[in-house]
Amino acid sequence: MPGLAAAALTVGLAACTAQSGPAQIENHTDGAGVAFAGLLPSTESRVYRRYVFQIHGIDTPDIDWGESLLGQIPNYGYIRTTTAGPVHTYWKPAKLSVPQIVTGQGLKCGKKDYCEFDHFGIYRKDVFDNPTNTDHVTVFTYFWRGDLWHITGPYLQPDIDANSTDNWSPNTRKSLLNELIKGSLIDNGLSDAAGYLSGVGAMEREGIESALCAMFADAIQVDAEQPLAVGKGCLGRLSKYNHLDPKTIEFNFLSHSLGSRMLYDVLSEQSTETKAPRSDDELLARQFLVDRARTMMMAANQLPLLAVSGVTIVPATSPPNAAPQPTGPPAGFLDLRRRGDPGDKAGIRAFSDAKFRELSVVAFQDPDDLLGFKASDALIGDPQPGVRFVDVLHRNTPQWLFLLAWPPDAHDHELEEPNSLHMILCGARADATGNLTPDQCVGERR
């Protein structure tokens, strides 16, 4: 009898547990077939010069965070021609156009009573070649957390130390689970989002733009180290050197958590600082990047959570019941593709020929991720022309007894969960109800 009771309990527990893994598209309406392409060439997606830009999200202190992607690519028939190594060897500073000084009450950097930045973040380039064909994949990896932590870390480190569980024992002062979540998701997580929404966000965006310019310069074979390829506006300065046939190249993006919003802001049609349209040269360069992009993968995102930062606020008009009259264009941080306004110069749409590919924004969401959101919830206005949102519901970690999925493992662990990793790299196919299975990469070892 005891054995029978134990077996019944085991079956009962299993029935109350949802395992990690399988995924489906929420509100699927497109029927069976290819759901989206992956970062690597697949049987449905083949461009020989392919670029991938990856950016991390919250709570990412490890400079080698990008290895979760880079270390997987050789499993699909590629040889990595660059290897991990010292920072000065493989990493380059994402230069700012003008050095910036950050001051704050009690803030120090070394012996100075301020922090000075001539760059914000660092980036590296890794190249992968497939010896069995001519496929060539170049990955640019951007790391921003190190520089941000120079500013935010001094304010948060005391609370992180107070919530350390290294010597924890049962006590009535603090609960273990609350302590773990406070130190990880809040102190080391939401603090990054708070930093981005502050004035520091402008430096982060300029650093991202410098890293994107390095990728753009590599694609059009221009020296990324010269001044025109550094800092704010560098995409616009580089656009005049772009003579590539747009059909010979493809850009893809992998963003994690907060990095999804950061990258979206830099690629969008309007300047986040001024909420005004970008210059013609900047639009040309961004348009080349986005129109030649096939997939933007989001391993968790906070687009709806941070959407309020893009609203426009103007004084109310009189009489009191009249609707406010905003001045200038809307914030539109989700505007990735030009809408073709009649006033646009013809040159702005030079790369938007009739054959430009649809951009799929593929947003992975674990339903138990406290800091993950359905990306399309941020898009409550007009649909984006040429942009398709695909919300993928899946689990990074098991749910136990209907009560708990461990929050730190639920957030941004798509590259650790094998099924999601496979779909991110190789794309996925959907059945009629939206259930997903990974597609097969070219050269994949089965």
Protein backbone atom coordinates (compact mmCIF):
# COMPACT_ATOMS: atom_id res chain seq x y z
CA MET A 1 0.00 0.00 0.00
CA PRO A 2 2.71 2.57 0.81
CA GLY A 3 4.28 1.90 -2.59
CA LEU A 4 0.92 2.35 -4.30
CA ALA A 5 0.33 5.60 -2.45
CA ALA A 6 3.77 6.88 -3.43
CA ALA A 7 3.13 5.98 -7.07
CA ALA A 8 -0.23 7.74 -7.00
CA LEU A 9 1.38 10.83 -5.49
CA THR A 10 4.08 10.80 -8.18
CA VAL A 11 1.48 10.58 -10.94
CA GLY A 12 -0.52 13.36 -9.30
CA LEU A 13 2.50 15.62 -9.09
CA ALA A 14 3.39 14.93 -12.71
CA ALA A 15 -0.14 15.80 -13.77
CA CYS A 16 0.17 19.16 -12.02
CA THR A 17 3.47 20.01 -13.70
CA ALA A 18 4.04 21.73 -17.05
CA GLN A 19 7.47 20.97 -18.47
CA SER A 20 9.68 23.34 -20.42
CA GLY A 21 9.88 23.13 -24.18
CA PRO A 22 7.19 23.01 -26.88
CA ALA A 23 5.92 26.28 -28.25
CA GLN A 24 2.97 27.67 -30.14
CA ILE A 25 1.99 30.92 -31.82
CA GLU A 26 -0.66 32.84 -29.92
CA ASN A 27 -3.76 33.70 -31.94
CA HIS A 28 -2.44 31.80 -34.96
CA THR A 29 -4.38 32.50 -38.18
CA ASP A 30 -1.92 31.74 -41.00
CA GLY A 31 -2.48 27.98 -41.27
CA ALA A 32 0.20 25.32 -41.59
CA GLY A 33 3.62 26.02 -43.10
CA VAL A 34 6.77 28.02 -42.44
CA ALA A 35 6.11 30.27 -39.43
CA PHE A 36 9.34 32.26 -39.43
CA ALA A 37 12.96 32.06 -40.54
CA GLY A 38 15.86 31.66 -38.12
CA LEU A 39 19.15 33.47 -37.71
CA LEU A 40 21.03 30.91 -39.81
CA PRO A 41 20.31 29.81 -43.39
CA SER A 42 17.57 27.19 -43.56
CA THR A 43 15.94 25.27 -46.35
CA GLU A 44 13.53 28.22 -46.76
CA SER A 45 15.99 31.07 -46.22
CA ARG A 46 19.24 31.38 -48.16
CA VAL A 47 21.39 34.51 -48.53
CA TYR A 48 25.10 33.91 -48.68
CA ARG A 49 26.25 37.05 -46.85
CA ARG A 50 24.31 37.04 -43.62
CA TYR A 51 24.79 39.31 -40.61
CA VAL A 52 23.43 38.83 -37.09
CA PHE A 53 23.43 41.60 -34.48
CA GLN A 54 22.86 40.51 -30.89
CA ILE A 55 22.27 42.65 -27.81
CA HIS A 56 21.72 41.48 -24.22
CA GLY A 57 19.13 42.54 -21.67
CA ILE A 58 18.84 43.04 -17.93
CA ASP A 59 21.10 41.42 -15.33
CA THR A 60 23.90 40.47 -17.74
CA PRO A 61 27.23 41.22 -16.06
CA ASP A 62 29.24 38.59 -17.98
CA ILE A 63 31.21 40.09 -20.87
CA ASP A 64 31.10 36.71 -22.64
CA TRP A 65 27.30 36.54 -22.57
CA GLY A 66 27.19 36.21 -26.37
CA GLU A 67 28.75 32.76 -26.30
CA SER A 68 25.28 31.28 -25.70
CA LEU A 69 24.71 31.97 -29.42
CA LEU A 70 28.27 32.00 -30.78
CA GLY A 71 29.14 28.66 -29.24
CA GLN A 72 26.14 26.97 -30.90
CA ILE A 73 26.71 28.03 -34.51
CA PRO A 74 29.52 25.49 -35.20
CA ASN A 75 27.00 22.71 -34.47
CA TYR A 76 25.32 23.62 -37.76
CA GLY A 77 28.28 23.03 -40.07
CA TYR A 78 30.19 26.30 -39.60
CA ILE A 79 33.83 26.93 -38.72
CA ARG A 80 34.46 29.89 -36.41
CA THR A 81 37.38 31.96 -37.66
CA THR A 82 37.56 34.06 -34.49
CA THR A 83 37.86 32.81 -30.93
CA ALA A 84 37.26 34.13 -27.45
CA GLY A 85 40.12 36.11 -25.96
CA PRO A 86 41.22 39.19 -24.01
CA VAL A 87 39.03 42.27 -24.18
CA HIS A 88 41.68 44.36 -25.94
CA THR A 89 42.07 41.71 -28.66
CA TYR A 90 38.53 41.02 -29.73
CA TRP A 91 36.40 43.82 -28.29
CA LYS A 92 36.23 47.39 -29.56
CA PRO A 93 34.73 50.45 -27.83
CA ALA A 94 31.38 51.71 -29.14
CA LYS A 95 32.56 55.30 -29.46
CA LEU A 96 30.48 58.38 -28.65
CA SER A 97 30.70 61.32 -31.04
CA VAL A 98 31.35 63.66 -28.09
CA PRO A 99 32.72 62.43 -24.71
CA GLN A 100 30.23 62.73 -21.86
CA ILE A 101 30.67 63.41 -18.13
CA VAL A 102 28.17 61.95 -15.64
CA THR A 103 27.93 63.41 -12.13
CA GLY A 104 25.75 62.48 -9.19
CA GLN A 105 25.61 62.86 -5.43
CA GLY A 106 28.55 60.85 -4.13
CA LEU A 107 29.17 59.21 -7.51
CA LYS A 108 32.83 58.36 -8.17
CA CYS A 109 34.69 56.56 -10.91
CA GLY A 110 38.07 55.60 -9.51
CA LYS A 111 39.44 58.65 -7.71
CA LYS A 112 37.34 61.10 -9.72
CA ASP A 113 34.10 62.65 -8.46
CA TYR A 114 32.50 61.99 -11.81
CA CYS A 115 32.41 59.36 -14.57
CA GLU A 116 33.70 60.20 -18.04
CA PHE A 117 32.74 58.21 -21.14
CA ASP A 118 34.27 58.46 -24.60
CA HIS A 119 32.38 55.29 -25.50
CA PHE A 120 29.40 53.40 -24.13
CA GLY A 121 29.56 49.66 -24.38
CA ILE A 122 31.86 47.45 -26.42
CA TYR A 123 31.29 45.19 -29.41
CA ARG A 124 33.01 42.31 -31.15
CA LYS A 125 32.83 40.67 -34.56
CA ASP A 126 32.82 36.91 -35.11
CA VAL A 127 32.92 35.24 -38.50
CA PHE A 128 31.63 31.77 -39.40
CA ASP A 129 32.19 30.00 -42.72
CA ASN A 130 30.54 26.82 -43.96
CA PRO A 131 33.19 24.72 -45.77
CA THR A 132 30.58 22.71 -47.68
CA ASN A 133 29.04 25.74 -49.40
CA THR A 134 29.55 29.48 -49.69
CA ASP A 135 27.44 30.49 -46.70
CA HIS A 136 29.08 33.21 -44.63
CA VAL A 137 27.68 34.38 -41.28
CA THR A 138 29.07 37.39 -39.40
CA VAL A 139 27.87 38.08 -35.86
CA PHE A 140 28.27 41.44 -34.09
CA THR A 141 27.81 41.25 -30.31
CA TYR A 142 27.21 44.36 -28.19
CA PHE A 143 27.79 44.53 -24.41
CA TRP A 144 26.51 47.61 -22.53
CA ARG A 145 25.98 46.50 -18.92
CA GLY A 146 29.59 47.09 -17.82
CA ASP A 147 29.49 50.82 -18.53
CA LEU A 148 25.97 51.28 -17.16
CA TRP A 149 27.00 49.59 -13.89
CA HIS A 150 29.69 52.25 -13.33
CA ILE A 151 26.75 54.63 -12.81
CA THR A 152 24.00 52.48 -11.29
CA GLY A 153 26.12 49.99 -9.36
CA PRO A 154 27.25 52.28 -6.52
CA TYR A 155 23.61 53.02 -5.63
CA LEU A 156 22.49 49.38 -5.74
CA GLN A 157 25.43 47.41 -4.38
CA PRO A 158 24.48 47.92 -0.69
CA ASP A 159 21.03 46.42 -1.28
CA ILE A 160 22.53 43.57 -3.31
CA ASP A 161 24.89 42.82 -0.44
CA ALA A 162 21.99 42.98 2.03
CA ASN A 163 20.09 40.43 -0.07
CA SER A 164 22.98 38.04 -0.52
CA THR A 165 22.06 34.44 0.28
CA ASP A 166 25.65 33.21 0.66
CA ASN A 167 25.31 32.74 4.42
CA TRP A 168 21.54 32.51 4.67
CA SER A 169 19.88 30.46 7.38
CA PRO A 170 16.21 30.33 8.40
CA ASN A 171 15.26 33.63 10.05
CA THR A 172 12.28 35.90 10.56
CA ARG A 173 13.90 38.99 9.08
CA LYS A 174 13.89 37.99 5.40
CA SER A 175 12.29 35.23 3.37
CA LEU A 176 14.70 33.28 1.20
CA LEU A 177 12.67 33.41 -2.04
CA ASN A 178 11.94 37.13 -1.70
CA GLU A 179 15.61 37.76 -1.02
CA LEU A 180 16.67 35.85 -4.13
CA ILE A 181 14.15 37.61 -6.36
CA LYS A 182 14.98 41.07 -4.95
CA GLY A 183 18.69 40.65 -5.60
CA SER A 184 18.31 39.21 -9.09
CA LEU A 185 15.24 40.53 -10.89
CA ILE A 186 14.96 43.87 -9.07
CA ASP A 187 18.44 45.07 -8.03
CA ASN A 188 20.22 43.54 -11.03
CA GLY A 189 17.28 43.64 -13.42
CA LEU A 190 14.73 46.44 -13.21
CA SER A 191 17.54 48.80 -12.29
CA ASP A 192 18.86 48.42 -15.85
CA ALA A 193 15.48 49.51 -17.22
CA ALA A 194 15.42 52.48 -14.83
CA GLY A 195 18.88 53.48 -16.04
CA TYR A 196 17.74 53.28 -19.66
CA LEU A 197 14.73 55.51 -19.02
CA SER A 198 17.03 58.13 -17.47
CA GLY A 199 19.35 60.47 -19.35
CA VAL A 200 21.87 57.61 -19.53
CA GLY A 201 19.63 56.02 -22.16
CA ALA A 202 20.87 58.50 -24.76
CA MET A 203 24.44 57.25 -24.30
CA GLU A 204 23.26 53.64 -24.50
CA ARG A 205 21.46 54.33 -27.78
CA GLU A 206 24.52 56.07 -29.21
CA GLY A 207 26.66 53.09 -28.23
CA ILE A 208 24.23 50.74 -29.97
CA GLU A 209 24.31 52.94 -33.06
CA SER A 210 28.12 52.81 -33.13
CA ALA A 211 28.00 49.00 -32.95
CA LEU A 212 25.37 48.89 -35.71
CA CYS A 213 27.57 51.21 -37.77
CA ALA A 214 30.46 48.82 -37.37
CA MET A 215 28.27 46.06 -38.79
CA PHE A 216 26.98 48.33 -41.58
CA ALA A 217 30.53 49.45 -42.42
CA ASP A 218 31.66 45.82 -42.59
CA ALA A 219 28.80 45.00 -44.97
CA ILE A 220 29.59 47.89 -47.34
CA GLN A 221 33.36 47.38 -46.89
CA VAL A 222 34.20 50.72 -45.31
CA ASP A 223 36.69 51.21 -42.47
CA ALA A 224 34.57 51.19 -39.32
CA GLU A 225 37.28 52.95 -37.31
CA GLN A 226 37.24 56.22 -39.22
CA PRO A 227 35.36 59.17 -37.66
CA LEU A 228 32.38 58.95 -39.99
CA ALA A 229 31.58 55.53 -38.52
CA VAL A 230 31.54 56.61 -34.87
CA GLY A 231 28.75 57.84 -32.61
CA LYS A 232 25.42 59.55 -33.18
CA GLY A 233 24.53 59.98 -36.84
CA CYS A 234 27.14 57.52 -38.11
CA LEU A 235 24.56 55.48 -40.02
CA GLY A 236 23.66 58.61 -41.97
CA ARG A 237 27.30 59.45 -42.65
CA LEU A 238 27.93 55.93 -43.93
CA SER A 239 24.90 55.80 -46.24
CA LYS A 240 26.61 57.66 -49.06
CA TYR A 241 29.21 54.87 -49.30
CA ASN A 242 26.57 52.16 -49.68
CA HIS A 243 26.72 50.74 -53.19
CA LEU A 244 25.76 47.16 -52.37
CA ASP A 245 23.15 45.27 -54.29
CA PRO A 246 20.57 44.88 -51.50
CA LYS A 247 19.68 41.37 -52.71
CA THR A 248 23.13 40.02 -51.85
CA ILE A 249 22.97 40.57 -48.12
CA GLU A 250 20.70 39.93 -45.15
CA PHE A 251 20.60 41.32 -41.61
CA ASN A 252 19.03 39.55 -38.66
CA PHE A 253 18.72 40.60 -35.03
CA LEU A 254 18.64 38.79 -31.70
CA SER A 255 17.65 40.93 -28.73
CA HIS A 256 17.23 39.90 -25.13
CA SER A 257 14.83 41.44 -22.61
CA LEU A 258 15.42 45.21 -22.29
CA GLY A 259 17.73 45.06 -25.31
CA SER A 260 14.63 44.55 -27.48
CA ARG A 261 13.36 48.04 -26.72
CA MET A 262 16.83 49.58 -26.92
CA LEU A 263 17.46 48.14 -30.39
CA TYR A 264 13.95 49.07 -31.55
CA ASP A 265 14.55 52.67 -30.53
CA VAL A 266 17.76 52.93 -32.52
CA LEU A 267 16.30 51.31 -35.64
CA SER A 268 13.03 53.25 -35.56
CA GLU A 269 12.04 55.95 -37.97
CA GLN A 270 12.15 58.78 -35.47
CA SER A 271 14.73 60.16 -33.08
CA THR A 272 14.02 59.19 -29.47
CA GLU A 273 15.67 62.37 -28.19
CA THR A 274 13.66 64.83 -30.31
CA LYS A 275 10.69 62.69 -31.48
CA ALA A 276 11.32 64.21 -34.89
CA PRO A 277 11.95 62.47 -38.22
CA ARG A 278 15.55 61.49 -38.84
CA SER A 279 17.63 63.03 -41.59
CA ASP A 280 17.38 61.67 -45.12
CA ASP A 281 20.82 60.04 -44.87
CA GLU A 282 19.95 58.39 -41.56
CA LEU A 283 16.68 57.07 -42.99
CA LEU A 284 18.52 55.66 -46.00
CA ALA A 285 20.95 53.78 -43.80
CA ARG A 286 18.34 52.51 -41.36
CA GLN A 287 16.11 51.56 -44.23
CA PHE A 288 18.87 49.48 -45.75
CA LEU A 289 19.33 47.63 -42.44
CA VAL A 290 15.64 47.06 -41.80
CA ASP A 291 14.47 46.41 -45.37
CA ARG A 292 17.22 43.83 -45.76
CA ALA A 293 16.28 42.20 -42.45
CA ARG A 294 14.27 39.01 -42.40
CA THR A 295 13.90 38.26 -38.70
CA MET A 296 14.15 40.13 -35.41
CA MET A 297 14.19 37.58 -32.60
CA MET A 298 13.24 38.73 -29.11
CA ALA A 299 14.18 36.45 -26.24
CA ALA A 300 11.81 38.16 -23.79
CA ASN A 301 10.94 41.85 -24.06
CA GLN A 302 9.46 44.77 -22.15
CA LEU A 303 7.94 46.69 -25.07
CA PRO A 304 4.48 47.16 -23.48
CA LEU A 305 5.99 47.95 -20.06
CA LEU A 306 8.14 50.75 -21.50
CA ALA A 307 5.71 51.98 -24.15
CA VAL A 308 4.64 54.93 -21.97
CA SER A 309 8.10 56.44 -22.43
CA GLY A 310 7.13 57.14 -26.04
CA VAL A 311 3.96 59.15 -25.43
CA THR A 312 3.73 62.85 -26.29
CA ILE A 313 2.51 65.31 -23.65
CA VAL A 314 1.30 68.81 -24.59
CA PRO A 315 -0.62 71.52 -22.71
CA ALA A 316 -4.39 71.05 -22.83
CA THR A 317 -6.27 73.39 -25.16
CA SER A 318 -9.32 75.47 -24.26
CA PRO A 319 -12.22 75.02 -24.00
CA PRO A 320 -11.60 72.34 -21.35
CA ASN A 321 -13.48 69.61 -23.23
CA ALA A 322 -11.55 70.05 -26.46
CA ALA A 323 -9.06 67.36 -27.44
CA PRO A 324 -5.36 68.23 -27.01
CA GLN A 325 -3.58 69.17 -30.19
CA PRO A 326 -0.14 67.52 -30.29
CA THR A 327 2.56 69.27 -32.25
CA GLY A 328 4.97 67.39 -34.49
CA PRO A 329 4.98 63.70 -35.38
CA PRO A 330 3.95 60.97 -32.93
CA ALA A 331 6.66 59.21 -30.96
CA GLY A 332 6.21 56.05 -33.03
CA PHE A 333 9.03 53.98 -31.54
CA LEU A 334 7.61 50.92 -33.33
CA ASP A 335 7.86 52.57 -36.76
CA LEU A 336 10.49 50.43 -38.47
CA ARG A 337 9.30 50.82 -42.03
CA ARG A 338 8.64 54.01 -43.94
CA ARG A 339 4.96 54.70 -44.58
CA GLY A 340 5.58 56.32 -47.96
CA ASP A 341 4.30 59.81 -47.17
CA PRO A 342 3.76 61.92 -50.30
CA GLY A 343 6.33 64.46 -49.12
CA ASP A 344 9.17 61.94 -48.98
CA LYS A 345 12.01 62.40 -51.39
CA ALA A 346 12.28 59.61 -53.93
CA GLY A 347 15.76 58.74 -52.73
CA ILE A 348 14.51 57.78 -49.28
CA ARG A 349 12.81 54.73 -50.73
CA ALA A 350 15.76 53.74 -52.90
CA PHE A 351 16.03 50.34 -51.28
CA SER A 352 12.31 49.77 -50.74
CA ASP A 353 11.66 48.09 -54.06
CA ALA A 354 8.62 45.91 -54.59
CA LYS A 355 10.59 42.83 -53.57
CA PHE A 356 11.71 43.90 -50.11
CA ARG A 357 11.07 41.11 -47.66
CA GLU A 358 8.61 41.24 -44.83
CA LEU A 359 10.24 41.67 -41.44
CA SER A 360 9.12 39.13 -38.85
CA VAL A 361 9.38 40.26 -35.23
CA VAL A 362 9.38 36.94 -33.38
CA ALA A 363 8.84 37.50 -29.65
CA PHE A 364 9.30 34.55 -27.29
CA GLN A 365 7.35 34.70 -24.04
CA ASP A 366 7.34 32.32 -21.09
CA PRO A 367 3.90 32.84 -19.44
CA ASP A 368 5.55 32.71 -15.99
CA ASP A 369 8.22 35.29 -16.83
CA LEU A 370 7.66 38.24 -14.48
CA LEU A 371 9.54 40.58 -16.83
CA GLY A 372 8.42 39.20 -20.19
CA PHE A 373 5.56 40.54 -22.30
CA LYS A 374 3.63 39.89 -25.48
CA ALA A 375 5.40 42.25 -27.88
CA SER A 376 2.38 42.99 -30.03
CA ASP A 377 0.57 44.42 -26.97
CA ALA A 378 2.75 47.52 -27.44
CA LEU A 379 1.26 48.04 -30.89
CA ILE A 380 -2.21 49.40 -30.17
CA GLY A 381 -2.41 51.79 -33.11
CA ASP A 382 -2.19 51.25 -36.86
CA PRO A 383 -0.54 48.02 -38.04
CA GLN A 384 3.06 48.38 -39.14
CA PRO A 385 3.56 48.22 -42.91
CA GLY A 386 5.82 45.32 -43.86
CA VAL A 387 6.28 44.19 -40.24
CA ARG A 388 4.66 41.02 -38.86
CA PHE A 389 4.55 40.29 -35.13
CA VAL A 390 4.73 36.61 -34.14
CA ASP A 391 4.15 36.00 -30.42
CA VAL A 392 5.57 32.62 -29.43
CA LEU A 393 4.31 31.15 -26.17
CA HIS A 394 6.64 28.59 -24.60
CA ARG A 395 8.27 27.60 -21.30
CA ASN A 396 11.90 28.08 -20.30
CA THR A 397 11.48 26.22 -17.02
CA PRO A 398 8.88 23.82 -15.56
CA GLN A 399 5.80 24.93 -13.67
CA TRP A 400 5.30 23.01 -10.43
CA LEU A 401 1.90 22.14 -8.95
CA PHE A 402 0.23 25.06 -10.74
CA LEU A 403 1.92 27.31 -8.16
CA LEU A 404 5.42 28.29 -9.23
CA ALA A 405 7.93 28.54 -12.06
CA TRP A 406 11.25 29.85 -10.83
CA PRO A 407 11.25 33.52 -11.99
CA PRO A 408 14.98 33.97 -12.77
CA ASP A 409 14.96 30.87 -15.01
CA ALA A 410 11.69 31.83 -16.68
CA HIS A 411 13.17 35.13 -17.88
CA ASP A 412 15.43 35.27 -20.95
CA HIS A 413 16.55 31.63 -20.98
CA GLU A 414 15.50 30.93 -24.57
CA LEU A 415 19.05 30.03 -25.62
CA GLU A 416 19.30 27.56 -22.72
CA GLU A 417 16.03 25.82 -23.60
CA PRO A 418 16.91 23.41 -26.50
CA ASN A 419 13.63 23.64 -28.42
CA SER A 420 13.59 27.46 -28.42
CA LEU A 421 17.29 27.63 -29.29
CA HIS A 422 16.71 25.40 -32.30
CA MET A 423 13.85 27.62 -33.54
CA ILE A 424 15.85 30.82 -33.02
CA LEU A 425 18.72 29.44 -35.09
CA CYS A 426 16.83 27.55 -37.80
CA GLY A 427 13.31 28.97 -37.82
CA ALA A 428 10.09 27.05 -37.28
CA ARG A 429 7.09 25.48 -38.98
CA ALA A 430 3.56 25.69 -37.64
CA ASP A 431 0.66 23.29 -37.90
CA ALA A 432 -2.88 24.50 -38.51
CA THR A 433 -3.39 25.34 -34.83
CA GLY A 434 -0.08 27.18 -34.38
CA ASN A 435 1.96 24.45 -32.68
CA LEU A 436 5.61 24.92 -33.64
CA THR A 437 8.42 22.55 -34.55
CA PRO A 438 11.97 23.68 -35.42
CA ASP A 439 12.90 23.90 -39.08
CA GLN A 440 16.16 22.46 -40.37
CA CYS A 441 19.24 24.62 -40.96
CA VAL A 442 21.36 24.13 -44.06
CA GLY A 443 24.21 21.81 -43.06
CA GLU A 444 22.56 20.84 -39.78
CA ARG A 445 23.92 17.69 -38.21
CA ARG A 446 21.00 15.36 -37.46
